[in-house]
């Protein structure tokens, strides 16, 4: 097996995993089922605070990862299709999450259809990540790549050049 240098350390991957699991758990903790069956820490515990902290950690780690990839790894790694879909979903989660934070502020609020659309889009992005992560897990077991793929393995998109007489 080829020992390949990675762009991010295992510590970064561990921080990403812990932040993601914390965000998912605290997001699910908003559901009434969690408190009904005693799966949360208690009635005085607010899952919103944990969700805000884990989301802030994900925003920080995502910005750090993008910066490192853009400055150091852009020439040697490219974003896979699965990685691009995850980036799009995470950006959707970030934008809708920020809109929901603004909704919780005392001076601003989203009403009726706007609030419903933002909330449903946030939930749809979160639920769309699950099958994508399961697919990535199976691909990893088969030797596939996650977010980034080395450029030496081939171009991101195969383009065919036309000949002079092709139309």
C-alpha atoms as a PDB file:
ATOM      1  CA  UNK A   1       0.000   0.000   0.000  1.00  0.00           C
ATOM      2  CA  UNK A   2       1.274   3.429  -0.931  1.00  0.00           C
ATOM      3  CA  UNK A   3       1.931   5.729   2.017  1.00  0.00           C
ATOM      4  CA  UNK A   4       0.556   9.051   0.863  1.00  0.00           C
ATOM      5  CA  UNK A   5       1.145  12.412   2.520  1.00  0.00           C
ATOM      6  CA  UNK A   6      -2.067  14.106   3.578  1.00  0.00           C
ATOM      7  CA  UNK A   7      -2.820  17.791   3.663  1.00  0.00           C
ATOM      8  CA  UNK A   8      -4.416  17.729   7.123  1.00  0.00           C
ATOM      9  CA  UNK A   9      -3.219  16.066  10.300  1.00  0.00           C
ATOM     10  CA  UNK A  10      -5.106  13.393  12.184  1.00  0.00           C
ATOM     11  CA  UNK A  11      -5.595  15.929  15.010  1.00  0.00           C
ATOM     12  CA  UNK A  12      -7.476  18.207  12.587  1.00  0.00           C
ATOM     13  CA  UNK A  13      -9.585  15.246  11.465  1.00  0.00           C
ATOM     14  CA  UNK A  14     -10.357  14.390  15.083  1.00  0.00           C
ATOM     15  CA  UNK A  15     -11.400  17.988  15.828  1.00  0.00           C
ATOM     16  CA  UNK A  16     -13.600  17.974  12.718  1.00  0.00           C
ATOM     17  CA  UNK A  17     -15.217  14.678  13.726  1.00  0.00           C
ATOM     18  CA  UNK A  18     -15.862  15.819  17.303  1.00  0.00           C
ATOM     19  CA  UNK A  19     -17.296  19.148  16.146  1.00  0.00           C
ATOM     20  CA  UNK A  20     -19.516  17.432  13.592  1.00  0.00           C
ATOM     21  CA  UNK A  21     -20.800  14.856  16.109  1.00  0.00           C
ATOM     22  CA  UNK A  22     -21.422  17.601  18.657  1.00  0.00           C
ATOM     23  CA  UNK A  23     -23.331  19.676  16.095  1.00  0.00           C
ATOM     24  CA  UNK A  24     -25.440  16.686  15.080  1.00  0.00           C
ATOM     25  CA  UNK A  25     -26.186  15.638  18.661  1.00  0.00           C
ATOM     26  CA  UNK A  26     -27.052  19.158  19.800  1.00  0.00           C
ATOM     27  CA  UNK A  27     -29.169  19.665  16.670  1.00  0.00           C
ATOM     28  CA  UNK A  28     -31.092  16.454  17.313  1.00  0.00           C
ATOM     29  CA  UNK A  29     -31.452  17.502  20.962  1.00  0.00           C
ATOM     30  CA  UNK A  30     -33.808  20.268  19.871  1.00  0.00           C
ATOM     31  CA  UNK A  31     -36.396  17.621  19.077  1.00  0.00           C
ATOM     32  CA  UNK A  32     -39.010  17.049  21.793  1.00  0.00           C
ATOM     33  CA  UNK A  33     -38.459  13.287  21.654  1.00  0.00           C
ATOM     34  CA  UNK A  34     -34.976  13.672  23.156  1.00  0.00           C
ATOM     35  CA  UNK A  35     -36.160  15.353  26.361  1.00  0.00           C
ATOM     36  CA  UNK A  36     -39.260  13.168  26.587  1.00  0.00           C
ATOM     37  CA  UNK A  37     -37.155  10.010  26.842  1.00  0.00           C
ATOM     38  CA  UNK A  38     -34.421  11.543  28.983  1.00  0.00           C
ATOM     39  CA  UNK A  39     -31.724  11.491  26.312  1.00  0.00           C
ATOM     40  CA  UNK A  40     -30.609  15.062  27.032  1.00  0.00           C
ATOM     41  CA  UNK A  41     -28.611  16.263  30.013  1.00  0.00           C
ATOM     42  CA  UNK A  42     -31.627  17.710  31.804  1.00  0.00           C
ATOM     43  CA  UNK A  43     -34.351  20.318  31.619  1.00  0.00           C
ATOM     44  CA  UNK A  44     -32.001  23.151  32.567  1.00  0.00           C
ATOM     45  CA  UNK A  45     -29.620  22.302  29.693  1.00  0.00           C
ATOM     46  CA  UNK A  46     -30.147  24.212  26.483  1.00  0.00           C
ATOM     47  CA  UNK A  47     -29.031  22.406  23.341  1.00  0.00           C
ATOM     48  CA  UNK A  48     -28.840  25.742  21.541  1.00  0.00           C
ATOM     49  CA  UNK A  49     -25.661  26.806  23.331  1.00  0.00           C
ATOM     50  CA  UNK A  50     -23.882  23.548  22.496  1.00  0.00           C
ATOM     51  CA  UNK A  51     -25.158  23.795  18.926  1.00  0.00           C
ATOM     52  CA  UNK A  52     -23.813  27.353  18.593  1.00  0.00           C
ATOM     53  CA  UNK A  53     -20.392  26.357  19.946  1.00  0.00           C
ATOM     54  CA  UNK A  54     -20.069  23.293  17.746  1.00  0.00           C
ATOM     55  CA  UNK A  55     -21.264  25.257  14.709  1.00  0.00           C
ATOM     56  CA  UNK A  56     -18.735  27.985  15.437  1.00  0.00           C
ATOM     57  CA  UNK A  57     -16.013  25.325  15.694  1.00  0.00           C
ATOM     58  CA  UNK A  58     -17.115  23.861  12.331  1.00  0.00           C
ATOM     59  CA  UNK A  59     -17.070  27.306  10.713  1.00  0.00           C
ATOM     60  CA  UNK A  60     -13.574  27.922  12.079  1.00  0.00           C
ATOM     61  CA  UNK A  61     -12.271  24.505  11.005  1.00  0.00           C
ATOM     62  CA  UNK A  62     -13.891  24.802   7.579  1.00  0.00           C
ATOM     63  CA  UNK A  63     -12.354  28.219   7.013  1.00  0.00           C
ATOM     64  CA  UNK A  64      -8.984  26.898   8.175  1.00  0.00           C
ATOM     65  CA  UNK A  65      -9.258  23.875   5.847  1.00  0.00           C
ATOM     66  CA  UNK A  66     -10.191  26.040   2.866  1.00  0.00           C
ATOM     67  CA  UNK A  67      -7.297  28.413   3.568  1.00  0.00           C
ATOM     68  CA  UNK A  68      -4.756  25.602   3.919  1.00  0.00           C
ATOM     69  CA  UNK A  69      -6.037  23.871   0.782  1.00  0.00           C
ATOM     70  CA  UNK A  70      -6.012  27.111  -1.216  1.00  0.00           C
ATOM     71  CA  UNK A  71      -2.527  28.169  -0.093  1.00  0.00           C
ATOM     72  CA  UNK A  72      -0.690  24.840   0.157  1.00  0.00           C
ATOM     73  CA  UNK A  73      -2.631  22.053  -1.475  1.00  0.00           C
ATOM     74  CA  UNK A  74      -4.431  23.596  -4.441  1.00  0.00           C
ATOM     75  CA  UNK A  75      -1.694  22.540  -6.842  1.00  0.00           C
ATOM     76  CA  UNK A  76      -1.455  18.957  -5.548  1.00  0.00           C
ATOM     77  CA  UNK A  77      -5.066  18.151  -4.546  1.00  0.00           C
ATOM     78  CA  UNK A  78      -8.433  18.794  -6.129  1.00  0.00           C
ATOM     79  CA  UNK A  79     -11.901  18.618  -4.608  1.00  0.00           C
ATOM     80  CA  UNK A  80     -13.800  15.413  -5.369  1.00  0.00           C
ATOM     81  CA  UNK A  81     -17.465  15.449  -6.415  1.00  0.00           C
ATOM     82  CA  UNK A  82     -18.446  14.061  -3.023  1.00  0.00           C
ATOM     83  CA  UNK A  83     -16.295  16.723  -1.355  1.00  0.00           C
ATOM     84  CA  UNK A  84     -17.899  19.459  -3.458  1.00  0.00           C
ATOM     85  CA  UNK A  85     -21.386  18.262  -2.530  1.00  0.00           C
ATOM     86  CA  UNK A  86     -20.400  18.282   1.151  1.00  0.00           C
ATOM     87  CA  UNK A  87     -18.997  21.799   0.824  1.00  0.00           C
ATOM     88  CA  UNK A  88     -22.233  22.994  -0.800  1.00  0.00           C
ATOM     89  CA  UNK A  89     -24.329  21.360   1.934  1.00  0.00           C
ATOM     90  CA  UNK A  90     -22.130  22.794   4.695  1.00  0.00           C
ATOM     91  CA  UNK A  91     -22.358  26.274   3.157  1.00  0.00           C
ATOM     92  CA  UNK A  92     -26.144  25.839   3.021  1.00  0.00           C
ATOM     93  CA  UNK A  93     -26.138  24.813   6.685  1.00  0.00           C
ATOM     94  CA  UNK A  94     -23.982  27.805   7.608  1.00  0.00           C
ATOM     95  CA  UNK A  95     -26.155  30.348   5.777  1.00  0.00           C
ATOM     96  CA  UNK A  96     -29.453  28.969   7.039  1.00  0.00           C
ATOM     97  CA  UNK A  97     -27.984  28.556  10.536  1.00  0.00           C
ATOM     98  CA  UNK A  98     -26.923  32.199  10.578  1.00  0.00           C
ATOM     99  CA  UNK A  99     -30.443  33.160   9.440  1.00  0.00           C
ATOM    100  CA  UNK A 100     -31.875  31.136  12.337  1.00  0.00           C
ATOM    101  CA  UNK A 101     -29.499  32.881  14.755  1.00  0.00           C
ATOM    102  CA  UNK A 102     -30.732  36.238  13.445  1.00  0.00           C
ATOM    103  CA  UNK A 103     -34.284  34.994  13.991  1.00  0.00           C
ATOM    104  CA  UNK A 104     -33.466  34.379  17.674  1.00  0.00           C
ATOM    105  CA  UNK A 105     -32.246  37.955  18.187  1.00  0.00           C
ATOM    106  CA  UNK A 106     -34.702  40.265  19.919  1.00  0.00           C
ATOM    107  CA  UNK A 107     -34.718  42.999  17.260  1.00  0.00           C
ATOM    108  CA  UNK A 108     -35.010  40.785  14.171  1.00  0.00           C
ATOM    109  CA  UNK A 109     -37.282  37.970  13.214  1.00  0.00           C
ATOM    110  CA  UNK A 110     -38.258  35.843  10.257  1.00  0.00           C
ATOM    111  CA  UNK A 111     -41.969  35.327   9.760  1.00  0.00           C
ATOM    112  CA  UNK A 112     -44.299  32.731   8.300  1.00  0.00           C
ATOM    113  CA  UNK A 113     -43.139  31.307   4.963  1.00  0.00           C
ATOM    114  CA  UNK A 114     -39.633  32.764   5.219  1.00  0.00           C
ATOM    115  CA  UNK A 115     -38.992  31.126   8.581  1.00  0.00           C
ATOM    116  CA  UNK A 116     -40.466  27.844   7.372  1.00  0.00           C
ATOM    117  CA  UNK A 117     -38.345  27.884   4.215  1.00  0.00           C
ATOM    118  CA  UNK A 118     -35.142  28.646   6.140  1.00  0.00           C
ATOM    119  CA  UNK A 119     -35.859  25.978   8.755  1.00  0.00           C
ATOM    120  CA  UNK A 120     -36.754  23.321   6.166  1.00  0.00           C
ATOM    121  CA  UNK A 121     -33.692  24.154   4.062  1.00  0.00           C
ATOM    122  CA  UNK A 122     -31.509  23.827   7.177  1.00  0.00           C
ATOM    123  CA  UNK A 123     -33.023  20.430   7.976  1.00  0.00           C
ATOM    124  CA  UNK A 124     -32.798  19.286   4.344  1.00  0.00           C
ATOM    125  CA  UNK A 125     -29.091  20.159   4.183  1.00  0.00           C
ATOM    126  CA  UNK A 126     -28.470  18.349   7.463  1.00  0.00           C
ATOM    127  CA  UNK A 127     -30.392  15.257   6.355  1.00  0.00           C
ATOM    128  CA  UNK A 128     -28.723  15.232   2.924  1.00  0.00           C
ATOM    129  CA  UNK A 129     -25.319  14.999   4.605  1.00  0.00           C
ATOM    130  CA  UNK A 130     -26.136  11.638   6.197  1.00  0.00           C
ATOM    131  CA  UNK A 131     -26.339   9.469   3.048  1.00  0.00           C
ATOM    132  CA  UNK A 132     -23.358  11.334   1.638  1.00  0.00           C
ATOM    133  CA  UNK A 133     -21.277  10.531   4.708  1.00  0.00           C
ATOM    134  CA  UNK A 134     -22.370   6.867   4.619  1.00  0.00           C
ATOM    135  CA  UNK A 135     -21.415   6.708   0.930  1.00  0.00           C
ATOM    136  CA  UNK A 136     -18.021   8.217   1.757  1.00  0.00           C
ATOM    137  CA  UNK A 137     -17.504   5.692   4.547  1.00  0.00           C
ATOM    138  CA  UNK A 138     -18.080   2.785   2.164  1.00  0.00           C
ATOM    139  CA  UNK A 139     -15.849   4.356  -0.481  1.00  0.00           C
ATOM    140  CA  UNK A 140     -13.098   4.785   2.112  1.00  0.00           C
ATOM    141  CA  UNK A 141     -13.254   1.073   2.931  1.00  0.00           C
ATOM    142  CA  UNK A 142     -12.789   0.326  -0.762  1.00  0.00           C
ATOM    143  CA  UNK A 143      -9.834   2.711  -1.037  1.00  0.00           C
ATOM    144  CA  UNK A 144     -11.736   5.751  -2.286  1.00  0.00           C
ATOM    145  CA  UNK A 145     -11.053   9.354  -1.429  1.00  0.00           C
ATOM    146  CA  UNK A 146     -12.983  11.719   0.807  1.00  0.00           C
ATOM    147  CA  UNK A 147     -12.842  15.462   0.247  1.00  0.00           C
ATOM    148  CA  UNK A 148      -9.617  15.778  -1.717  1.00  0.00           C
ATOM    149  CA  UNK A 149      -7.895  13.640  -4.318  1.00  0.00           C
ATOM    150  CA  UNK A 150      -4.279  13.951  -5.465  1.00  0.00           C
ATOM    151  CA  UNK A 151      -3.926  15.582  -8.878  1.00  0.00           C
ATOM    152  CA  UNK A 152      -1.456  12.912  -9.990  1.00  0.00           C
ATOM    153  CA  UNK A 153      -4.343  10.417 -10.153  1.00  0.00           C
ATOM    154  CA  UNK A 154      -5.927  12.326 -13.030  1.00  0.00           C
ATOM    155  CA  UNK A 155      -7.817  15.519 -13.752  1.00  0.00           C
ATOM    156  CA  UNK A 156     -11.015  16.403 -11.935  1.00  0.00           C
ATOM    157  CA  UNK A 157     -13.036  16.447 -15.152  1.00  0.00           C
ATOM    158  CA  UNK A 158     -12.067  14.559 -18.256  1.00  0.00           C
ATOM    159  CA  UNK A 159     -12.408  16.812 -21.268  1.00  0.00           C
ATOM    160  CA  UNK A 160     -12.100  15.665 -24.825  1.00  0.00           C
ATOM    161  CA  UNK A 161     -10.548  17.971 -27.352  1.00  0.00           C
ATOM    162  CA  UNK A 162     -12.119  18.154 -30.737  1.00  0.00           C
ATOM    163  CA  UNK A 163     -10.139  17.636 -33.858  1.00  0.00           C
ATOM    164  CA  UNK A 164      -9.951  20.180 -36.660  1.00  0.00           C
ATOM    165  CA  UNK A 165     -12.654  18.509 -38.728  1.00  0.00           C
ATOM    166  CA  UNK A 166     -15.045  17.761 -35.836  1.00  0.00           C
ATOM    167  CA  UNK A 167     -18.079  19.930 -35.444  1.00  0.00           C
END
